[in-house]
Amino acid sequence: MAYVINDSCIACGACVAECPVDAIAEGEPYTIDGDTCIDCGACASACPVDAPNEA
């Protein structure tokens, strides 16, 4: 199950830097490509506002 980013995203970029498979695209809010996401949780651990969550 891939992660998704909710509306609390502040577009800080912390998650992008931590994603090992480059599944996160910039925007407001950022988005995660569900086909690329490996469900590692690195984005959720890096996020200061808990925006990434398991879908």
PDB file of N, CA and C in Angstrom:
ATOM      1  N   MET A   1       0.850  -1.171   0.000  1.00  0.00           N
ATOM      2  CA  MET A   1       0.000   0.000   0.000  1.00  0.00           C
ATOM      3  C   MET A   1       0.898   1.238   0.000  1.00  0.00           C
ATOM      4  N   ALA A   2       0.684   2.136  -0.911  1.00  0.00           N
ATOM      5  CA  ALA A   2       1.504   3.340  -1.051  1.00  0.00           C
ATOM      6  C   ALA A   2       1.077   4.423  -0.058  1.00  0.00           C
ATOM      7  N   TYR A   3       1.966   5.357   0.161  1.00  0.00           N
ATOM      8  CA  TYR A   3       1.655   6.515   0.986  1.00  0.00           C
ATOM      9  C   TYR A   3       0.979   7.585   0.130  1.00  0.00           C
ATOM     10  N   VAL A   4       0.197   8.428   0.764  1.00  0.00           N
ATOM     11  CA  VAL A   4      -0.415   9.594   0.130  1.00  0.00           C
ATOM     12  C   VAL A   4      -0.138  10.801   1.024  1.00  0.00           C
ATOM     13  N   ILE A   5      -0.155  11.985   0.432  1.00  0.00           N
ATOM     14  CA  ILE A   5       0.094  13.210   1.188  1.00  0.00           C
ATOM     15  C   ILE A   5      -1.210  13.971   1.321  1.00  0.00           C
ATOM     16  N   ASN A   6      -1.567  14.305   2.560  1.00  0.00           N
ATOM     17  CA  ASN A   6      -2.840  14.996   2.792  1.00  0.00           C
ATOM     18  C   ASN A   6      -2.679  16.517   2.696  1.00  0.00           C
ATOM     19  N   ASP A   7      -3.762  17.231   2.906  1.00  0.00           N
ATOM     20  CA  ASP A   7      -3.787  18.680   2.728  1.00  0.00           C
ATOM     21  C   ASP A   7      -3.001  19.464   3.780  1.00  0.00           C
ATOM     22  N   SER A   8      -2.486  18.805   4.792  1.00  0.00           N
ATOM     23  CA  SER A   8      -1.687  19.534   5.784  1.00  0.00           C
ATOM     24  C   SER A   8      -0.267  19.786   5.290  1.00  0.00           C
ATOM     25  N   CYS A   9       0.061  19.296   4.109  1.00  0.00           N
ATOM     26  CA  CYS A   9       1.380  19.488   3.499  1.00  0.00           C
ATOM     27  C   CYS A   9       1.709  20.979   3.394  1.00  0.00           C
ATOM     28  N   ILE A  10       2.927  21.340   3.838  1.00  0.00           N
ATOM     29  CA  ILE A  10       3.371  22.735   3.759  1.00  0.00           C
ATOM     30  C   ILE A  10       4.433  22.917   2.665  1.00  0.00           C
ATOM     31  N   ALA A  11       4.627  21.923   1.831  1.00  0.00           N
ATOM     32  CA  ALA A  11       5.548  21.970   0.692  1.00  0.00           C
ATOM     33  C   ALA A  11       6.969  22.368   1.106  1.00  0.00           C
ATOM     34  N   CYS A  12       7.451  21.789   2.188  1.00  0.00           N
ATOM     35  CA  CYS A  12       8.784  22.136   2.695  1.00  0.00           C
ATOM     36  C   CYS A  12       9.903  21.363   1.993  1.00  0.00           C
ATOM     37  N   GLY A  13       9.577  20.212   1.393  1.00  0.00           N
ATOM     38  CA  GLY A  13      10.567  19.422   0.676  1.00  0.00           C
ATOM     39  C   GLY A  13      11.281  18.372   1.502  1.00  0.00           C
ATOM     40  N   ALA A  14      10.991  18.285   2.781  1.00  0.00           N
ATOM     41  CA  ALA A  14      11.675  17.308   3.633  1.00  0.00           C
ATOM     42  C   ALA A  14      11.443  15.878   3.146  1.00  0.00           C
ATOM     43  N   CYS A  15      10.241  15.586   2.709  1.00  0.00           N
ATOM     44  CA  CYS A  15       9.916  14.231   2.255  1.00  0.00           C
ATOM     45  C   CYS A  15      10.639  13.874   0.958  1.00  0.00           C
ATOM     46  N   VAL A  16      10.760  14.851   0.074  1.00  0.00           N
ATOM     47  CA  VAL A  16      11.417  14.614  -1.217  1.00  0.00           C
ATOM     48  C   VAL A  16      12.861  14.175  -0.998  1.00  0.00           C
ATOM     49  N   ALA A  17      13.542  14.830  -0.084  1.00  0.00           N
ATOM     50  CA  ALA A  17      14.942  14.514   0.197  1.00  0.00           C
ATOM     51  C   ALA A  17      15.123  13.115   0.759  1.00  0.00           C
ATOM     52  N   GLU A  18      14.115  12.591   1.426  1.00  0.00           N
ATOM     53  CA  GLU A  18      14.221  11.283   2.070  1.00  0.00           C
ATOM     54  C   GLU A  18      13.725  10.120   1.222  1.00  0.00           C
ATOM     55  N   CYS A  19      12.958  10.367   0.186  1.00  0.00           N
ATOM     56  CA  CYS A  19      12.387   9.278  -0.622  1.00  0.00           C
ATOM     57  C   CYS A  19      13.477   8.573  -1.434  1.00  0.00           C
ATOM     58  N   PRO A  20      13.703   7.275  -1.179  1.00  0.00           N
ATOM     59  CA  PRO A  20      14.775   6.556  -1.878  1.00  0.00           C
ATOM     60  C   PRO A  20      14.461   6.211  -3.332  1.00  0.00           C
ATOM     61  N   VAL A  21      13.199   6.351  -3.738  1.00  0.00           N
ATOM     62  CA  VAL A  21      12.831   5.990  -5.107  1.00  0.00           C
ATOM     63  C   VAL A  21      12.278   7.172  -5.908  1.00  0.00           C
ATOM     64  N   ASP A  22      12.441   8.375  -5.387  1.00  0.00           N
ATOM     65  CA  ASP A  22      11.997   9.601  -6.080  1.00  0.00           C
ATOM     66  C   ASP A  22      10.527   9.531  -6.501  1.00  0.00           C
ATOM     67  N   ALA A  23       9.676   9.103  -5.589  1.00  0.00           N
ATOM     68  CA  ALA A  23       8.250   8.956  -5.888  1.00  0.00           C
ATOM     69  C   ALA A  23       7.442  10.223  -5.603  1.00  0.00           C
ATOM     70  N   ILE A  24       8.079  11.254  -5.053  1.00  0.00           N
ATOM     71  CA  ILE A  24       7.343  12.435  -4.613  1.00  0.00           C
ATOM     72  C   ILE A  24       7.563  13.592  -5.581  1.00  0.00           C
ATOM     73  N   ALA A  25       6.450  14.207  -6.004  1.00  0.00           N
ATOM     74  CA  ALA A  25       6.497  15.347  -6.923  1.00  0.00           C
ATOM     75  C   ALA A  25       6.110  16.613  -6.175  1.00  0.00           C
ATOM     76  N   GLU A  26       6.809  17.710  -6.498  1.00  0.00           N
ATOM     77  CA  GLU A  26       6.512  18.985  -5.876  1.00  0.00           C
ATOM     78  C   GLU A  26       5.161  19.513  -6.325  1.00  0.00           C
ATOM     79  N   GLY A  27       4.530  20.269  -5.472  1.00  0.00           N
ATOM     80  CA  GLY A  27       3.228  20.866  -5.723  1.00  0.00           C
ATOM     81  C   GLY A  27       2.661  21.312  -4.402  1.00  0.00           C
ATOM     82  N   GLU A  28       1.439  21.733  -4.400  1.00  0.00           N
ATOM     83  CA  GLU A  28       0.796  22.109  -3.139  1.00  0.00           C
ATOM     84  C   GLU A  28      -0.569  21.456  -3.081  1.00  0.00           C
ATOM     85  N   PRO A  29      -0.749  20.345  -2.423  1.00  0.00           N
ATOM     86  CA  PRO A  29       0.303  19.629  -1.691  1.00  0.00           C
ATOM     87  C   PRO A  29       1.173  18.797  -2.624  1.00  0.00           C
ATOM     88  N   TYR A  30       2.300  18.327  -2.097  1.00  0.00           N
ATOM     89  CA  TYR A  30       3.134  17.412  -2.854  1.00  0.00           C
ATOM     90  C   TYR A  30       2.309  16.148  -3.118  1.00  0.00           C
ATOM     91  N   THR A  31       2.724  15.363  -4.095  1.00  0.00           N
ATOM     92  CA  THR A  31       2.026  14.118  -4.408  1.00  0.00           C
ATOM     93  C   THR A  31       3.016  12.955  -4.450  1.00  0.00           C
ATOM     94  N   ILE A  32       2.508  11.778  -4.183  1.00  0.00           N
ATOM     95  CA  ILE A  32       3.318  10.562  -4.227  1.00  0.00           C
ATOM     96  C   ILE A  32       2.773   9.658  -5.320  1.00  0.00           C
ATOM     97  N   ASP A  33       3.653   9.209  -6.209  1.00  0.00           N
ATOM     98  CA  ASP A  33       3.277   8.273  -7.269  1.00  0.00           C
ATOM     99  C   ASP A  33       3.109   6.901  -6.634  1.00  0.00           C
ATOM    100  N   GLY A  34       1.878   6.433  -6.572  1.00  0.00           N
ATOM    101  CA  GLY A  34       1.569   5.161  -5.932  1.00  0.00           C
ATOM    102  C   GLY A  34       2.220   3.963  -6.591  1.00  0.00           C
ATOM    103  N   ASP A  35       2.514   4.056  -7.880  1.00  0.00           N
ATOM    104  CA  ASP A  35       3.161   2.949  -8.582  1.00  0.00           C
ATOM    105  C   ASP A  35       4.652   2.869  -8.271  1.00  0.00           C
ATOM    106  N   THR A  36       5.241   3.982  -7.880  1.00  0.00           N
ATOM    107  CA  THR A  36       6.668   4.024  -7.587  1.00  0.00           C
ATOM    108  C   THR A  36       6.953   3.837  -6.102  1.00  0.00           C
ATOM    109  N   CYS A  37       6.054   4.296  -5.242  1.00  0.00           N
ATOM    110  CA  CYS A  37       6.219   4.220  -3.792  1.00  0.00           C
ATOM    111  C   CYS A  37       6.429   2.779  -3.340  1.00  0.00           C
ATOM    112  N   ILE A  38       7.443   2.582  -2.484  1.00  0.00           N
ATOM    113  CA  ILE A  38       7.733   1.239  -1.966  1.00  0.00           C
ATOM    114  C   ILE A  38       7.269   1.071  -0.524  1.00  0.00           C
ATOM    115  N   ASP A  39       6.467   2.022  -0.025  1.00  0.00           N
ATOM    116  CA  ASP A  39       5.861   1.922   1.303  1.00  0.00           C
ATOM    117  C   ASP A  39       6.900   1.817   2.424  1.00  0.00           C
ATOM    118  N   CYS A  40       7.998   2.565   2.283  1.00  0.00           N
ATOM    119  CA  CYS A  40       9.065   2.477   3.289  1.00  0.00           C
ATOM    120  C   CYS A  40       8.826   3.379   4.496  1.00  0.00           C
ATOM    121  N   GLY A  41       8.036   4.457   4.320  1.00  0.00           N
ATOM    122  CA  GLY A  41       7.733   5.351   5.418  1.00  0.00           C
ATOM    123  C   GLY A  41       8.759   6.434   5.671  1.00  0.00           C
ATOM    124  N   ALA A  42       9.782   6.532   4.836  1.00  0.00           N
ATOM    125  CA  ALA A  42      10.813   7.558   5.029  1.00  0.00           C
ATOM    126  C   ALA A  42      10.217   8.957   4.944  1.00  0.00           C
ATOM    127  N   CYS A  43       9.263   9.145   4.065  1.00  0.00           N
ATOM    128  CA  CYS A  43       8.624  10.458   3.915  1.00  0.00           C
ATOM    129  C   CYS A  43       7.861  10.836   5.173  1.00  0.00           C
ATOM    130  N   ALA A  44       7.154   9.891   5.742  1.00  0.00           N
ATOM    131  CA  ALA A  44       6.369  10.154   6.945  1.00  0.00           C
ATOM    132  C   ALA A  44       7.272  10.491   8.124  1.00  0.00           C
ATOM    133  N   SER A  45       8.404   9.829   8.212  1.00  0.00           N
ATOM    134  CA  SER A  45       9.340  10.093   9.303  1.00  0.00           C
ATOM    135  C   SER A  45       9.967  11.477   9.195  1.00  0.00           C
ATOM    136  N   ALA A  46      10.147  11.971   7.976  1.00  0.00           N
ATOM    137  CA  ALA A  46      10.803  13.256   7.754  1.00  0.00           C
ATOM    138  C   ALA A  46       9.855  14.445   7.839  1.00  0.00           C
ATOM    139  N   CYS A  47       8.571  14.216   7.690  1.00  0.00           N
ATOM    140  CA  CYS A  47       7.599  15.306   7.599  1.00  0.00           C
ATOM    141  C   CYS A  47       7.315  15.970   8.949  1.00  0.00           C
ATOM    142  N   PRO A  48       7.462  17.307   9.013  1.00  0.00           N
ATOM    143  CA  PRO A  48       7.208  17.996  10.278  1.00  0.00           C
ATOM    144  C   PRO A  48       5.724  18.173  10.622  1.00  0.00           C
ATOM    145  N   VAL A  49       4.836  17.926   9.648  1.00  0.00           N
ATOM    146  CA  VAL A  49       3.396  18.121   9.905  1.00  0.00           C
ATOM    147  C   VAL A  49       2.588  16.840   9.690  1.00  0.00           C
ATOM    148  N   ASP A  50       3.261  15.696   9.614  1.00  0.00           N
ATOM    149  CA  ASP A  50       2.602  14.388   9.451  1.00  0.00           C
ATOM    150  C   ASP A  50       1.659  14.328   8.249  1.00  0.00           C
ATOM    151  N   ALA A  51       2.078  14.920   7.124  1.00  0.00           N
ATOM    152  CA  ALA A  51       1.227  14.911   5.934  1.00  0.00           C
ATOM    153  C   ALA A  51       1.195  13.560   5.201  1.00  0.00           C
ATOM    154  N   PRO A  52       2.310  12.839   5.075  1.00  0.00           N
ATOM    155  CA  PRO A  52       2.238  11.529   4.415  1.00  0.00           C
ATOM    156  C   PRO A  52       1.614  10.479   5.321  1.00  0.00           C
ATOM    157  N   ASN A  53       0.666   9.745   4.779  1.00  0.00           N
ATOM    158  CA  ASN A  53       0.011   8.664   5.519  1.00  0.00           C
ATOM    159  C   ASN A  53      -0.181   7.484   4.595  1.00  0.00           C
ATOM    160  N   GLU A  54      -0.290   6.294   5.195  1.00  0.00           N
ATOM    161  CA  GLU A  54      -0.571   5.111   4.378  1.00  0.00           C
ATOM    162  C   GLU A  54      -1.978   5.228   3.801  1.00  0.00           C
ATOM    163  N   ALA A  55      -2.091   4.889   2.545  1.00  0.00           N
ATOM    164  CA  ALA A  55      -3.392   4.979   1.860  1.00  0.00           C
ATOM    165  C   ALA A  55      -4.330   3.893   2.334  1.00  0.00           C
TER     166      ALA A  55
END
